[in-house]
Amino acid sequence: MDTQGEAAESHAPAPMPRPRASDQGMHALIAGRLEWLRRFPIASWAPIPLRLIVGYGFMEHGFAKLARGPDAFPAILQALGVPAPHLMGWLTILVEIVGGLFVLLGALIPLASIPMAAVLLVAMITVHLPYGFSSIKLQAVTAAGAQFGPPGFETNLLYLACLAALVLGGSGPLAIEGLLAKRREIARSSSDAEPSAGCRGAGGPDGATAPVDATVNGRGLT
């Protein structure tokens, strides 16, 4: 009998160890981090680096064209056979600076991306397409520094891909579009919450509706 009892005790499951205080603290910390990620998903911040690089890149190219003088870039367009080189040159500079600023601030990106994409496509077809895909072509390293070949259309495609991602996915947080949308939503909700003049009734100052008199000019309604 004792042998059977000892065998049963030997096969009984061992008690589970109690979690230590440090393990409980670690679990609470992980749970807090997961809750923070659920409230503020990291994926929603993905447009921020795209806006920064596209906006700054376009504005930098526009200001660089201005720094070389007002006639330098139109002369390049004239050599490429672009019609109305002075007009197209200034339009290109305007698109790069203003469009880059809109992307940087997150304002009117779907509208601003149209002329920006046009500038990229024209530059890709007229300048970069004959030189292939790669934009970095290291040819030699001399005493004067690294020597590169003509750039291809890789950078143009990267800018186009970033613009497409911003148009399809939105401008993300910290954007003027989001702030304006919130203000419109608040104004709409406040206007919907206010009762219309016809629904207030003809009550007194406390808002109570005045009782309807059963007579009109001393005569009954019937």
N, C-alpha and C. Protein backbone atom coordinates (compact mmCIF):
# COMPACT_ATOMS: atom_id res chain seq x y z
N MET A 1 0.84 -1.20 0.00
CA MET A 1 0.00 0.00 0.00
C MET A 1 0.87 1.24 0.00
N ASP A 2 1.89 1.22 0.87
CA ASP A 2 2.81 2.36 0.91
C ASP A 2 3.55 2.51 -0.39
N THR A 3 3.86 1.38 -1.01
CA THR A 3 4.59 1.43 -2.29
C THR A 3 3.76 2.11 -3.35
N GLN A 4 2.43 1.79 -3.39
CA GLN A 4 1.56 2.43 -4.37
C GLN A 4 1.46 3.93 -4.11
N GLY A 5 1.40 4.34 -2.84
CA GLY A 5 1.33 5.76 -2.52
C GLY A 5 2.58 6.51 -2.93
N GLU A 6 3.74 5.84 -2.70
CA GLU A 6 5.00 6.48 -3.10
C GLU A 6 5.08 6.62 -4.62
N ALA A 7 4.57 5.59 -5.36
CA ALA A 7 4.61 5.66 -6.82
C ALA A 7 3.71 6.79 -7.33
N ALA A 8 2.55 6.94 -6.67
CA ALA A 8 1.64 8.01 -7.09
C ALA A 8 2.25 9.37 -6.83
N GLU A 9 2.93 9.48 -5.68
CA GLU A 9 3.56 10.76 -5.39
C GLU A 9 4.70 11.05 -6.34
N SER A 10 5.40 10.02 -6.80
CA SER A 10 6.51 10.23 -7.72
C SER A 10 6.03 10.69 -9.09
N HIS A 11 4.82 10.23 -9.50
CA HIS A 11 4.28 10.63 -10.80
C HIS A 11 3.47 11.91 -10.73
N ALA A 12 3.24 12.48 -9.58
CA ALA A 12 2.48 13.72 -9.47
C ALA A 12 3.28 14.88 -10.06
N PRO A 13 2.59 15.81 -10.76
CA PRO A 13 3.33 16.93 -11.37
C PRO A 13 3.92 17.84 -10.31
N ALA A 14 5.11 18.32 -10.62
CA ALA A 14 5.79 19.22 -9.69
C ALA A 14 5.08 20.58 -9.69
N PRO A 15 5.00 21.23 -8.54
CA PRO A 15 4.34 22.54 -8.50
C PRO A 15 5.10 23.58 -9.31
N MET A 16 4.32 24.47 -10.00
CA MET A 16 4.92 25.51 -10.84
C MET A 16 5.61 26.55 -9.96
N PRO A 17 6.80 26.96 -10.35
CA PRO A 17 7.50 27.98 -9.55
C PRO A 17 6.78 29.32 -9.65
N ARG A 18 6.73 30.03 -8.55
CA ARG A 18 6.09 31.34 -8.54
C ARG A 18 6.96 32.35 -9.29
N PRO A 19 6.30 33.21 -10.09
CA PRO A 19 7.10 34.21 -10.80
C PRO A 19 7.76 35.18 -9.84
N ARG A 20 8.98 35.50 -10.16
CA ARG A 20 9.71 36.44 -9.34
C ARG A 20 9.24 37.87 -9.60
N ALA A 21 9.57 38.75 -8.67
CA ALA A 21 9.16 40.14 -8.81
C ALA A 21 9.80 40.79 -10.04
N SER A 22 11.04 40.41 -10.35
CA SER A 22 11.72 40.98 -11.51
C SER A 22 11.04 40.56 -12.81
N ASP A 23 10.57 39.27 -12.86
CA ASP A 23 9.86 38.81 -14.05
C ASP A 23 8.53 39.55 -14.21
N GLN A 24 7.84 39.76 -13.11
CA GLN A 24 6.59 40.49 -13.19
C GLN A 24 6.81 41.93 -13.67
N GLY A 25 7.87 42.54 -13.19
CA GLY A 25 8.17 43.89 -13.65
C GLY A 25 8.51 43.94 -15.13
N MET A 26 9.26 42.92 -15.59
CA MET A 26 9.60 42.86 -17.01
C MET A 26 8.35 42.67 -17.87
N HIS A 27 7.44 41.78 -17.42
CA HIS A 27 6.20 41.58 -18.16
C HIS A 27 5.37 42.84 -18.20
N ALA A 28 5.32 43.57 -17.09
CA ALA A 28 4.56 44.83 -17.07
C ALA A 28 5.19 45.86 -18.02
N LEU A 29 6.53 45.88 -18.07
CA LEU A 29 7.20 46.82 -18.97
C LEU A 29 6.90 46.49 -20.42
N ILE A 30 6.97 45.20 -20.77
CA ILE A 30 6.68 44.79 -22.15
C ILE A 30 5.23 45.09 -22.51
N ALA A 31 4.32 44.83 -21.57
CA ALA A 31 2.91 45.13 -21.83
C ALA A 31 2.69 46.62 -22.04
N GLY A 32 3.40 47.44 -21.27
CA GLY A 32 3.28 48.88 -21.44
C GLY A 32 3.81 49.34 -22.79
N ARG A 33 4.93 48.74 -23.22
CA ARG A 33 5.48 49.12 -24.53
C ARG A 33 4.53 48.71 -25.65
N LEU A 34 3.94 47.53 -25.56
CA LEU A 34 3.00 47.08 -26.59
C LEU A 34 1.77 47.98 -26.63
N GLU A 35 1.30 48.38 -25.46
CA GLU A 35 0.15 49.28 -25.43
C GLU A 35 0.51 50.63 -26.06
N TRP A 36 1.72 51.11 -25.83
CA TRP A 36 2.16 52.37 -26.44
C TRP A 36 2.24 52.24 -27.96
N LEU A 37 2.73 51.08 -28.45
CA LEU A 37 2.80 50.88 -29.89
C LEU A 37 1.41 50.79 -30.51
N ARG A 38 0.46 50.21 -29.76
CA ARG A 38 -0.90 50.14 -30.29
C ARG A 38 -1.53 51.53 -30.36
N ARG A 39 -1.22 52.39 -29.41
CA ARG A 39 -1.77 53.75 -29.44
C ARG A 39 -1.09 54.61 -30.48
N PHE A 40 0.21 54.46 -30.62
CA PHE A 40 0.97 55.27 -31.57
C PHE A 40 1.73 54.32 -32.52
N PRO A 41 1.05 53.81 -33.54
CA PRO A 41 1.72 52.86 -34.44
C PRO A 41 2.86 53.53 -35.21
N ILE A 42 3.97 52.84 -35.25
CA ILE A 42 5.15 53.40 -35.90
C ILE A 42 4.93 53.56 -37.39
N ALA A 43 4.12 52.69 -37.99
CA ALA A 43 3.90 52.74 -39.44
C ALA A 43 3.27 54.06 -39.86
N SER A 44 2.51 54.70 -38.98
CA SER A 44 1.87 55.96 -39.35
C SER A 44 2.89 57.08 -39.54
N TRP A 45 4.11 56.92 -38.99
CA TRP A 45 5.15 57.93 -39.14
C TRP A 45 6.03 57.70 -40.36
N ALA A 46 5.73 56.69 -41.17
CA ALA A 46 6.55 56.40 -42.34
C ALA A 46 6.61 57.54 -43.35
N PRO A 47 5.54 58.32 -43.57
CA PRO A 47 5.66 59.41 -44.55
C PRO A 47 6.61 60.54 -44.13
N ILE A 48 6.96 60.63 -42.84
CA ILE A 48 7.79 61.74 -42.40
C ILE A 48 9.16 61.76 -43.10
N PRO A 49 9.94 60.66 -43.09
CA PRO A 49 11.23 60.72 -43.80
C PRO A 49 11.07 60.92 -45.30
N LEU A 50 9.99 60.43 -45.90
CA LEU A 50 9.77 60.66 -47.33
C LEU A 50 9.54 62.15 -47.60
N ARG A 51 8.73 62.77 -46.77
CA ARG A 51 8.48 64.20 -46.95
C ARG A 51 9.75 65.02 -46.76
N LEU A 52 10.57 64.63 -45.78
CA LEU A 52 11.79 65.39 -45.51
C LEU A 52 12.76 65.31 -46.69
N ILE A 53 12.99 64.11 -47.21
CA ILE A 53 13.99 63.98 -48.27
C ILE A 53 13.49 64.56 -49.59
N VAL A 54 12.20 64.34 -49.91
CA VAL A 54 11.67 64.86 -51.17
C VAL A 54 11.56 66.39 -51.10
N GLY A 55 11.00 66.90 -50.01
CA GLY A 55 10.85 68.35 -49.90
C GLY A 55 12.17 69.07 -49.89
N TYR A 56 13.10 68.60 -49.06
CA TYR A 56 14.41 69.26 -49.00
C TYR A 56 15.17 69.09 -50.31
N GLY A 57 15.08 67.91 -50.93
CA GLY A 57 15.81 67.67 -52.18
C GLY A 57 15.35 68.60 -53.29
N PHE A 58 14.05 68.75 -53.46
CA PHE A 58 13.54 69.63 -54.50
C PHE A 58 13.92 71.08 -54.23
N MET A 59 13.76 71.53 -52.98
CA MET A 59 14.10 72.91 -52.67
C MET A 59 15.59 73.18 -52.85
N GLU A 60 16.43 72.21 -52.51
CA GLU A 60 17.87 72.38 -52.68
C GLU A 60 18.23 72.53 -54.16
N HIS A 61 17.62 71.73 -55.03
CA HIS A 61 17.90 71.85 -56.47
C HIS A 61 17.39 73.18 -57.01
N GLY A 62 16.24 73.65 -56.52
CA GLY A 62 15.73 74.92 -56.99
C GLY A 62 16.62 76.09 -56.58
N PHE A 63 17.05 76.13 -55.32
CA PHE A 63 17.93 77.21 -54.86
C PHE A 63 19.31 77.12 -55.50
N ALA A 64 19.77 75.90 -55.83
CA ALA A 64 21.06 75.77 -56.52
C ALA A 64 21.00 76.37 -57.92
N LYS A 65 19.85 76.22 -58.60
CA LYS A 65 19.70 76.82 -59.93
C LYS A 65 19.70 78.34 -59.82
N LEU A 66 19.05 78.87 -58.78
CA LEU A 66 19.06 80.32 -58.59
C LEU A 66 20.45 80.84 -58.26
N ALA A 67 21.23 80.06 -57.49
CA ALA A 67 22.57 80.51 -57.10
C ALA A 67 23.51 80.60 -58.29
N ARG A 68 23.27 79.82 -59.34
CA ARG A 68 24.14 79.89 -60.53
C ARG A 68 23.80 81.05 -61.44
N GLY A 69 22.77 81.80 -61.12
CA GLY A 69 22.40 82.95 -61.95
C GLY A 69 21.10 82.69 -62.69
N PRO A 70 20.37 83.75 -63.03
CA PRO A 70 19.07 83.58 -63.67
C PRO A 70 19.13 83.05 -65.09
N ASP A 71 20.28 83.17 -65.74
CA ASP A 71 20.38 82.75 -67.13
C ASP A 71 21.09 81.41 -67.31
N ALA A 72 21.62 80.84 -66.24
CA ALA A 72 22.41 79.61 -66.39
C ALA A 72 21.52 78.42 -66.75
N PHE A 73 20.47 78.20 -66.00
CA PHE A 73 19.61 77.05 -66.27
C PHE A 73 18.82 77.20 -67.57
N PRO A 74 18.26 78.39 -67.90
CA PRO A 74 17.64 78.52 -69.22
C PRO A 74 18.61 78.24 -70.37
N ALA A 75 19.88 78.58 -70.21
CA ALA A 75 20.86 78.28 -71.27
C ALA A 75 21.03 76.77 -71.43
N ILE A 76 20.98 76.02 -70.34
CA ILE A 76 21.06 74.56 -70.43
C ILE A 76 19.84 74.01 -71.15
N LEU A 77 18.67 74.53 -70.81
CA LEU A 77 17.45 74.06 -71.48
C LEU A 77 17.47 74.40 -72.96
N GLN A 78 18.02 75.56 -73.31
CA GLN A 78 18.12 75.92 -74.72
C GLN A 78 19.06 74.98 -75.46
N ALA A 79 20.16 74.58 -74.82
CA ALA A 79 21.07 73.63 -75.44
C ALA A 79 20.43 72.26 -75.62
N LEU A 80 19.50 71.90 -74.74
CA LEU A 80 18.79 70.63 -74.86
C LEU A 80 17.65 70.67 -75.86
N GLY A 81 17.34 71.84 -76.39
CA GLY A 81 16.26 71.97 -77.37
C GLY A 81 14.89 72.12 -76.75
N VAL A 82 14.81 72.52 -75.49
CA VAL A 82 13.52 72.71 -74.83
C VAL A 82 12.91 74.01 -75.32
N PRO A 83 11.65 74.00 -75.77
CA PRO A 83 11.03 75.24 -76.25
C PRO A 83 10.81 76.23 -75.11
N ALA A 84 10.86 77.52 -75.43
CA ALA A 84 10.71 78.60 -74.45
C ALA A 84 11.58 78.35 -73.23
N PRO A 85 12.91 78.32 -73.42
CA PRO A 85 13.79 77.90 -72.31
C PRO A 85 13.71 78.81 -71.09
N HIS A 86 13.56 80.13 -71.28
CA HIS A 86 13.50 81.02 -70.12
C HIS A 86 12.23 80.78 -69.31
N LEU A 87 11.10 80.64 -70.01
CA LEU A 87 9.84 80.38 -69.30
C LEU A 87 9.88 79.03 -68.61
N MET A 88 10.34 78.00 -69.30
CA MET A 88 10.39 76.68 -68.71
C MET A 88 11.41 76.61 -67.58
N GLY A 89 12.49 77.38 -67.71
CA GLY A 89 13.48 77.40 -66.65
C GLY A 89 12.93 77.98 -65.36
N TRP A 90 12.23 79.10 -65.45
CA TRP A 90 11.67 79.71 -64.25
C TRP A 90 10.52 78.89 -63.70
N LEU A 91 9.74 78.26 -64.56
CA LEU A 91 8.68 77.38 -64.07
C LEU A 91 9.26 76.18 -63.32
N THR A 92 10.36 75.65 -63.84
CA THR A 92 11.01 74.53 -63.15
C THR A 92 11.51 74.93 -61.77
N ILE A 93 12.15 76.08 -61.69
CA ILE A 93 12.65 76.56 -60.39
C ILE A 93 11.49 76.79 -59.43
N LEU A 94 10.39 77.36 -59.93
CA LEU A 94 9.23 77.61 -59.08
C LEU A 94 8.62 76.31 -58.58
N VAL A 95 8.52 75.32 -59.46
CA VAL A 95 7.97 74.03 -59.05
C VAL A 95 8.86 73.37 -58.00
N GLU A 96 10.16 73.44 -58.19
CA GLU A 96 11.07 72.79 -57.25
C GLU A 96 11.03 73.44 -55.87
N ILE A 97 10.97 74.76 -55.81
CA ILE A 97 10.99 75.44 -54.51
C ILE A 97 9.63 75.37 -53.83
N VAL A 98 8.58 75.76 -54.55
CA VAL A 98 7.24 75.79 -53.94
C VAL A 98 6.72 74.37 -53.71
N GLY A 99 6.89 73.50 -54.71
CA GLY A 99 6.44 72.12 -54.54
C GLY A 99 7.19 71.40 -53.43
N GLY A 100 8.49 71.64 -53.34
CA GLY A 100 9.26 71.05 -52.26
C GLY A 100 8.81 71.54 -50.90
N LEU A 101 8.45 72.83 -50.81
CA LEU A 101 7.95 73.37 -49.54
C LEU A 101 6.61 72.74 -49.17
N PHE A 102 5.73 72.56 -50.15
CA PHE A 102 4.44 71.92 -49.87
C PHE A 102 4.63 70.49 -49.36
N VAL A 103 5.52 69.75 -49.99
CA VAL A 103 5.77 68.38 -49.55
C VAL A 103 6.38 68.37 -48.16
N LEU A 104 7.29 69.28 -47.91
CA LEU A 104 7.95 69.34 -46.60
C LEU A 104 6.94 69.62 -45.48
N LEU A 105 5.98 70.49 -45.76
CA LEU A 105 4.98 70.85 -44.76
C LEU A 105 3.79 69.91 -44.76
N GLY A 106 3.68 69.06 -45.78
CA GLY A 106 2.54 68.16 -45.87
C GLY A 106 1.26 68.87 -46.27
N ALA A 107 1.34 69.72 -47.29
CA ALA A 107 0.18 70.49 -47.73
C ALA A 107 -0.03 70.28 -49.23
N LEU A 108 -1.24 69.91 -49.61
CA LEU A 108 -1.62 69.77 -51.02
C LEU A 108 -0.65 68.87 -51.79
N ILE A 109 -0.25 67.78 -51.19
CA ILE A 109 0.73 66.91 -51.83
C ILE A 109 0.18 66.29 -53.12
N PRO A 110 -1.07 65.78 -53.18
CA PRO A 110 -1.57 65.25 -54.46
C PRO A 110 -1.55 66.27 -55.58
N LEU A 111 -1.83 67.53 -55.26
CA LEU A 111 -1.81 68.57 -56.29
C LEU A 111 -0.38 68.97 -56.66
N ALA A 112 0.47 69.14 -55.66
CA ALA A 112 1.86 69.56 -55.93
C ALA A 112 2.67 68.48 -56.62
N SER A 113 2.29 67.21 -56.43
CA SER A 113 3.08 66.12 -57.02
C SER A 113 2.95 66.06 -58.53
N ILE A 114 1.90 66.64 -59.11
CA ILE A 114 1.72 66.57 -60.57
C ILE A 114 2.81 67.36 -61.30
N PRO A 115 3.02 68.66 -61.04
CA PRO A 115 4.13 69.33 -61.72
C PRO A 115 5.50 68.82 -61.29
N MET A 116 5.62 68.36 -60.05
CA MET A 116 6.92 67.82 -59.62
C MET A 116 7.26 66.55 -60.40
N ALA A 117 6.27 65.68 -60.59
CA ALA A 117 6.51 64.47 -61.38
C ALA A 117 6.81 64.82 -62.83
N ALA A 118 6.16 65.88 -63.35
CA ALA A 118 6.45 66.29 -64.73
C ALA A 118 7.89 66.75 -64.88
N VAL A 119 8.39 67.51 -63.90
CA VAL A 119 9.79 67.94 -63.94
C VAL A 119 10.74 66.75 -63.91
N LEU A 120 10.42 65.76 -63.08
CA LEU A 120 11.27 64.58 -62.99
C LEU A 120 11.27 63.79 -64.30
N LEU A 121 10.10 63.64 -64.90
CA LEU A 121 10.01 62.86 -66.15
C LEU A 121 10.74 63.56 -67.28
N VAL A 122 10.60 64.88 -67.37
CA VAL A 122 11.30 65.62 -68.43
C VAL A 122 12.81 65.52 -68.24
N ALA A 123 13.29 65.67 -67.01
CA ALA A 123 14.73 65.55 -66.76
C ALA A 123 15.22 64.14 -67.05
N MET A 124 14.40 63.13 -66.72
CA MET A 124 14.82 61.75 -66.96
C MET A 124 14.93 61.45 -68.45
N ILE A 125 13.96 61.95 -69.23
CA ILE A 125 13.95 61.64 -70.66
C ILE A 125 14.99 62.44 -71.42
N THR A 126 15.13 63.71 -71.10
CA THR A 126 16.01 64.58 -71.88
C THR A 126 17.48 64.50 -71.46
N VAL A 127 17.75 64.15 -70.20
CA VAL A 127 19.13 64.19 -69.72
C VAL A 127 19.65 62.83 -69.30
N HIS A 128 18.94 62.12 -68.41
CA HIS A 128 19.52 60.96 -67.74
C HIS A 128 19.29 59.63 -68.45
N LEU A 129 18.29 59.54 -69.28
CA LEU A 129 17.95 58.25 -69.89
C LEU A 129 19.09 57.65 -70.72
N PRO A 130 19.84 58.42 -71.50
CA PRO A 130 20.92 57.80 -72.30
C PRO A 130 22.05 57.20 -71.47
N TYR A 131 22.14 57.55 -70.18
CA TYR A 131 23.26 57.09 -69.36
C TYR A 131 22.90 55.89 -68.48
N GLY A 132 21.78 55.25 -68.74
CA GLY A 132 21.45 54.03 -68.03
C GLY A 132 20.77 54.29 -66.69
N PHE A 133 20.74 53.23 -65.87
CA PHE A 133 19.98 53.28 -64.62
C PHE A 133 20.76 53.92 -63.48
N SER A 134 21.98 53.50 -63.24
CA SER A 134 22.71 53.89 -62.04
C SER A 134 23.03 55.38 -62.04
N SER A 135 22.83 56.00 -60.88
CA SER A 135 23.17 57.41 -60.74
C SER A 135 24.57 57.61 -60.18
N ILE A 136 25.19 56.57 -59.68
CA ILE A 136 26.55 56.65 -59.12
C ILE A 136 27.45 55.74 -59.95
N LYS A 137 28.35 56.35 -60.68
CA LYS A 137 29.27 55.61 -61.56
C LYS A 137 30.69 56.05 -61.24
N LEU A 138 31.30 55.36 -60.30
CA LEU A 138 32.66 55.68 -59.91
C LEU A 138 33.62 55.20 -60.99
N GLN A 139 34.36 56.13 -61.58
CA GLN A 139 35.29 55.79 -62.66
C GLN A 139 36.74 55.73 -62.20
N ALA A 140 37.13 56.60 -61.32
CA ALA A 140 38.51 56.61 -60.86
C ALA A 140 38.61 57.47 -59.61
N VAL A 141 39.69 57.24 -58.87
CA VAL A 141 40.02 58.06 -57.70
C VAL A 141 41.41 58.63 -57.93
N THR A 142 41.48 59.93 -58.10
CA THR A 142 42.74 60.60 -58.38
C THR A 142 43.11 61.50 -57.20
N ALA A 143 44.19 62.24 -57.39
CA ALA A 143 44.60 63.17 -56.34
C ALA A 143 43.57 64.26 -56.11
N ALA A 144 42.79 64.56 -57.15
CA ALA A 144 41.74 65.58 -57.01
C ALA A 144 40.49 65.04 -56.34
N GLY A 145 40.41 63.74 -56.16
CA GLY A 145 39.23 63.14 -55.53
C GLY A 145 38.59 62.10 -56.43
N ALA A 146 37.41 61.65 -56.05
CA ALA A 146 36.69 60.64 -56.82
C ALA A 146 36.13 61.25 -58.10
N GLN A 147 36.21 60.49 -59.19
CA GLN A 147 35.72 60.92 -60.49
C GLN A 147 34.52 60.05 -60.86
N PHE A 148 33.39 60.68 -61.15
CA PHE A 148 32.16 59.97 -61.47
C PHE A 148 31.75 60.23 -62.91
N GLY A 149 31.05 59.26 -63.47
CA GLY A 149 30.51 59.40 -64.81
C GLY A 149 29.15 60.08 -64.80
N PRO A 150 28.53 60.25 -65.97
CA PRO A 150 27.21 60.91 -66.03
C PRO A 150 26.16 60.09 -65.27
N PRO A 151 25.31 60.75 -64.50
CA PRO A 151 24.32 60.02 -63.71
C PRO A 151 23.17 59.52 -64.56
N GLY A 152 22.66 58.33 -64.19
CA GLY A 152 21.49 57.76 -64.85
C GLY A 152 20.20 58.25 -64.23
N PHE A 153 19.12 57.51 -64.52
CA PHE A 153 17.79 57.96 -64.07
C PHE A 153 17.35 57.31 -62.76
N GLU A 154 18.26 56.73 -62.01
CA GLU A 154 17.91 56.08 -60.75
C GLU A 154 17.30 57.05 -59.74
N THR A 155 17.93 58.20 -59.57
CA THR A 155 17.44 59.18 -58.60
C THR A 155 16.06 59.70 -58.98
N ASN A 156 15.82 59.89 -60.27
CA ASN A 156 14.50 60.33 -60.71
C ASN A 156 13.42 59.33 -60.33
N LEU A 157 13.72 58.05 -60.51
CA LEU A 157 12.75 57.02 -60.14
C LEU A 157 12.52 56.98 -58.64
N LEU A 158 13.57 57.20 -57.86
CA LEU A 158 13.39 57.22 -56.41
C LEU A 158 12.48 58.37 -55.97
N TYR A 159 12.67 59.55 -56.55
CA TYR A 159 11.80 60.67 -56.23
C TYR A 159 10.36 60.38 -56.66
N LEU A 160 10.18 59.79 -57.85
CA LEU A 160 8.84 59.47 -58.31
C LEU A 160 8.18 58.44 -57.39
N ALA A 161 8.94 57.45 -56.94
CA ALA A 161 8.40 56.45 -56.03
C ALA A 161 7.99 57.08 -54.70
N CYS A 162 8.79 58.02 -54.18
CA CYS A 162 8.44 58.69 -52.93
C CYS A 162 7.18 59.53 -53.09
N LEU A 163 7.05 60.23 -54.21
CA LEU A 163 5.84 61.02 -54.44
C LEU A 163 4.62 60.12 -54.54
N ALA A 164 4.76 58.99 -55.24
CA ALA A 164 3.63 58.06 -55.35
C ALA A 164 3.24 57.51 -53.99
N ALA A 165 4.22 57.20 -53.15
CA ALA A 165 3.92 56.69 -51.80
C ALA A 165 3.20 57.73 -50.97
N LEU A 166 3.58 59.01 -51.09
CA LEU A 166 2.92 60.06 -50.33
C LEU A 166 1.50 60.31 -50.83
N VAL A 167 1.30 60.23 -52.13
CA VAL A 167 -0.04 60.43 -52.67
C VAL A 167 -0.97 59.29 -52.28
N LEU A 168 -0.48 58.06 -52.36
CA LEU A 168 -1.32 56.90 -52.07
C LEU A 168 -1.51 56.68 -50.57
N GLY A 169 -0.46 56.91 -49.79
CA GLY A 169 -0.52 56.64 -48.36
C GLY A 169 -0.83 57.81 -47.47
N GLY A 170 -0.83 59.02 -48.03
CA GLY A 170 -1.11 60.19 -47.22
C GLY A 170 0.17 60.84 -46.70
N SER A 171 0.02 62.06 -46.22
CA SER A 171 1.17 62.83 -45.76
C SER A 171 1.60 62.50 -44.34
N GLY A 172 0.79 61.72 -43.60
CA GLY A 172 1.18 61.29 -42.27
C GLY A 172 0.98 62.37 -41.22
N PRO A 173 1.52 62.14 -40.02
CA PRO A 173 1.36 63.12 -38.93
C PRO A 173 2.22 64.35 -39.14
N LEU A 174 1.97 65.36 -38.33
CA LEU A 174 2.70 66.63 -38.37
C LEU A 174 2.61 67.28 -39.75
N ALA A 175 1.45 67.18 -40.37
CA ALA A 175 1.23 67.74 -41.69
C ALA A 175 0.12 68.78 -41.61
N ILE A 176 0.22 69.79 -42.46
CA ILE A 176 -0.79 70.84 -42.48
C ILE A 176 -2.14 70.27 -42.92
N GLU A 177 -2.12 69.30 -43.83
CA GLU A 177 -3.38 68.70 -44.28
C GLU A 177 -4.13 68.08 -43.10
N GLY A 178 -3.42 67.36 -42.23
CA GLY A 178 -4.07 66.75 -41.08
C GLY A 178 -4.61 67.78 -40.11
N LEU A 179 -3.86 68.86 -39.88
CA LEU A 179 -4.33 69.90 -38.97
C LEU A 179 -5.58 70.59 -39.51
N LEU A 180 -5.59 70.87 -40.82
CA LEU A 180 -6.77 71.50 -41.41
C LEU A 180 -7.97 70.56 -41.38
N ALA A 181 -7.72 69.26 -41.61
CA ALA A 181 -8.82 68.29 -41.56
C ALA A 181 -9.41 68.20 -40.15
N LYS A 182 -8.56 68.25 -39.13
CA LYS A 182 -9.07 68.23 -37.75
C LYS A 182 -9.88 69.48 -37.43
N ARG A 183 -9.41 70.63 -37.91
CA ARG A 183 -10.15 71.85 -37.65
C ARG A 183 -11.51 71.83 -38.35
N ARG A 184 -11.55 71.31 -39.59
CA ARG A 184 -12.83 71.20 -40.28
C ARG A 184 -13.76 70.23 -39.56
N GLU A 185 -13.20 69.12 -39.04
CA GLU A 185 -14.03 68.16 -38.32
C GLU A 185 -14.59 68.75 -37.03
N ILE A 186 -13.75 69.52 -36.31
CA ILE A 186 -14.23 70.15 -35.08
C ILE A 186 -15.32 71.18 -35.38
N ALA A 187 -15.10 71.97 -36.44
CA ALA A 187 -16.11 72.97 -36.79
C ALA A 187 -17.41 72.30 -37.22
N ARG A 188 -17.31 71.19 -37.96
CA ARG A 188 -18.51 70.50 -38.40
C ARG A 188 -19.26 69.89 -37.23
N SER A 189 -18.51 69.27 -36.28
CA SER A 189 -19.17 68.66 -35.13
C SER A 189 -19.81 69.71 -34.23
N SER A 190 -19.17 70.87 -34.09
CA SER A 190 -19.76 71.93 -33.26
C SER A 190 -21.00 72.51 -33.92
N SER A 191 -20.98 72.64 -35.25
CA SER A 191 -22.17 73.15 -35.94
C SER A 191 -23.31 72.16 -35.89
N ASP A 192 -23.00 70.86 -35.92
CA ASP A 192 -24.06 69.85 -35.81
C ASP A 192 -24.63 69.79 -34.41
N ALA A 193 -23.82 70.10 -33.40
CA ALA A 193 -24.29 70.03 -32.02
C ALA A 193 -25.21 71.17 -31.66
N GLU A 194 -25.08 72.33 -32.33
CA GLU A 194 -25.94 73.46 -32.03
C GLU A 194 -27.34 73.21 -32.57
N PRO A 195 -28.41 73.36 -31.76
CA PRO A 195 -29.77 73.17 -32.25
C PRO A 195 -30.17 74.29 -33.18
N SER A 196 -30.95 73.94 -34.16
CA SER A 196 -31.41 74.94 -35.11
C SER A 196 -32.44 75.84 -34.46
N ALA A 197 -32.68 76.98 -35.09
CA ALA A 197 -33.61 77.95 -34.53
C ALA A 197 -35.03 77.41 -34.46
N GLY A 198 -35.40 76.56 -35.42
CA GLY A 198 -36.73 76.00 -35.42
C GLY A 198 -36.95 74.96 -34.35
N CYS A 199 -35.84 74.35 -33.85
CA CYS A 199 -35.96 73.30 -32.84
C CYS A 199 -35.92 73.87 -31.42
N ARG A 200 -35.53 75.15 -31.26
CA ARG A 200 -35.44 75.71 -29.92
C ARG A 200 -36.82 76.00 -29.33
N GLY A 201 -37.83 76.28 -30.18
CA GLY A 201 -39.15 76.62 -29.69
C GLY A 201 -39.21 78.08 -29.28
N ALA A 202 -40.37 78.50 -28.85
CA ALA A 202 -40.57 79.89 -28.47
C ALA A 202 -40.62 80.01 -26.97
N GLY A 203 -39.68 79.39 -26.30
CA GLY A 203 -39.69 79.36 -24.85
C GLY A 203 -39.10 80.61 -24.25
N GLY A 204 -39.07 80.62 -22.94
CA GLY A 204 -38.52 81.76 -22.23
C GLY A 204 -37.03 81.66 -22.13
N PRO A 205 -36.44 82.44 -21.25
CA PRO A 205 -34.98 82.46 -21.10
C PRO A 205 -34.42 81.14 -20.65
N ASP A 206 -35.19 80.34 -19.91
CA ASP A 206 -34.67 79.06 -19.43
C ASP A 206 -34.80 77.97 -20.47
N GLY A 207 -35.29 78.28 -21.64
CA GLY A 207 -35.35 77.29 -22.71
C GLY A 207 -36.61 76.48 -22.71
N ALA A 208 -37.52 76.67 -21.76
CA ALA A 208 -38.74 75.89 -21.73
C ALA A 208 -39.70 76.40 -22.78
N THR A 209 -40.37 75.49 -23.45
CA THR A 209 -41.28 75.87 -24.51
C THR A 209 -42.57 76.42 -23.92
N ALA A 210 -43.04 77.53 -24.45
CA ALA A 210 -44.26 78.15 -23.92
C ALA A 210 -45.46 77.32 -24.29
N PRO A 211 -46.44 77.19 -23.40
CA PRO A 211 -47.63 76.41 -23.72
C PRO A 211 -48.43 77.06 -24.82
N VAL A 212 -49.04 76.22 -25.65
CA VAL A 212 -49.83 76.71 -26.79
C VAL A 212 -51.20 77.08 -26.30
N ASP A 213 -51.64 78.29 -26.61
CA ASP A 213 -52.95 78.75 -26.18
C ASP A 213 -54.03 78.02 -26.97
N ALA A 214 -55.06 77.68 -26.31
CA ALA A 214 -56.12 76.91 -26.96
C ALA A 214 -57.07 77.78 -27.74
N THR A 215 -56.92 79.08 -27.66
CA THR A 215 -57.82 79.97 -28.37
C THR A 215 -57.01 80.92 -29.23
N VAL A 216 -57.59 81.33 -30.29
CA VAL A 216 -56.95 82.31 -31.16
C VAL A 216 -57.92 83.49 -31.29
N ASN A 217 -57.47 84.67 -30.81
CA ASN A 217 -58.32 85.85 -30.81
C ASN A 217 -59.65 85.61 -30.10
N GLY A 218 -59.57 84.87 -28.99
CA GLY A 218 -60.76 84.65 -28.19
C GLY A 218 -61.67 83.55 -28.70
N ARG A 219 -61.34 82.94 -29.82
CA ARG A 219 -62.17 81.88 -30.36
C ARG A 219 -61.47 80.56 -30.23
N GLY A 220 -62.18 79.51 -30.08
CA GLY A 220 -61.59 78.20 -29.99
C GLY A 220 -60.98 77.76 -31.31
N LEU A 221 -60.07 76.80 -31.24
CA LEU A 221 -59.45 76.28 -32.46
C LEU A 221 -60.42 75.43 -33.26
N THR A 222 -61.45 74.90 -32.60
CA THR A 222 -62.37 74.01 -33.31
C THR A 222 -63.50 74.82 -33.94
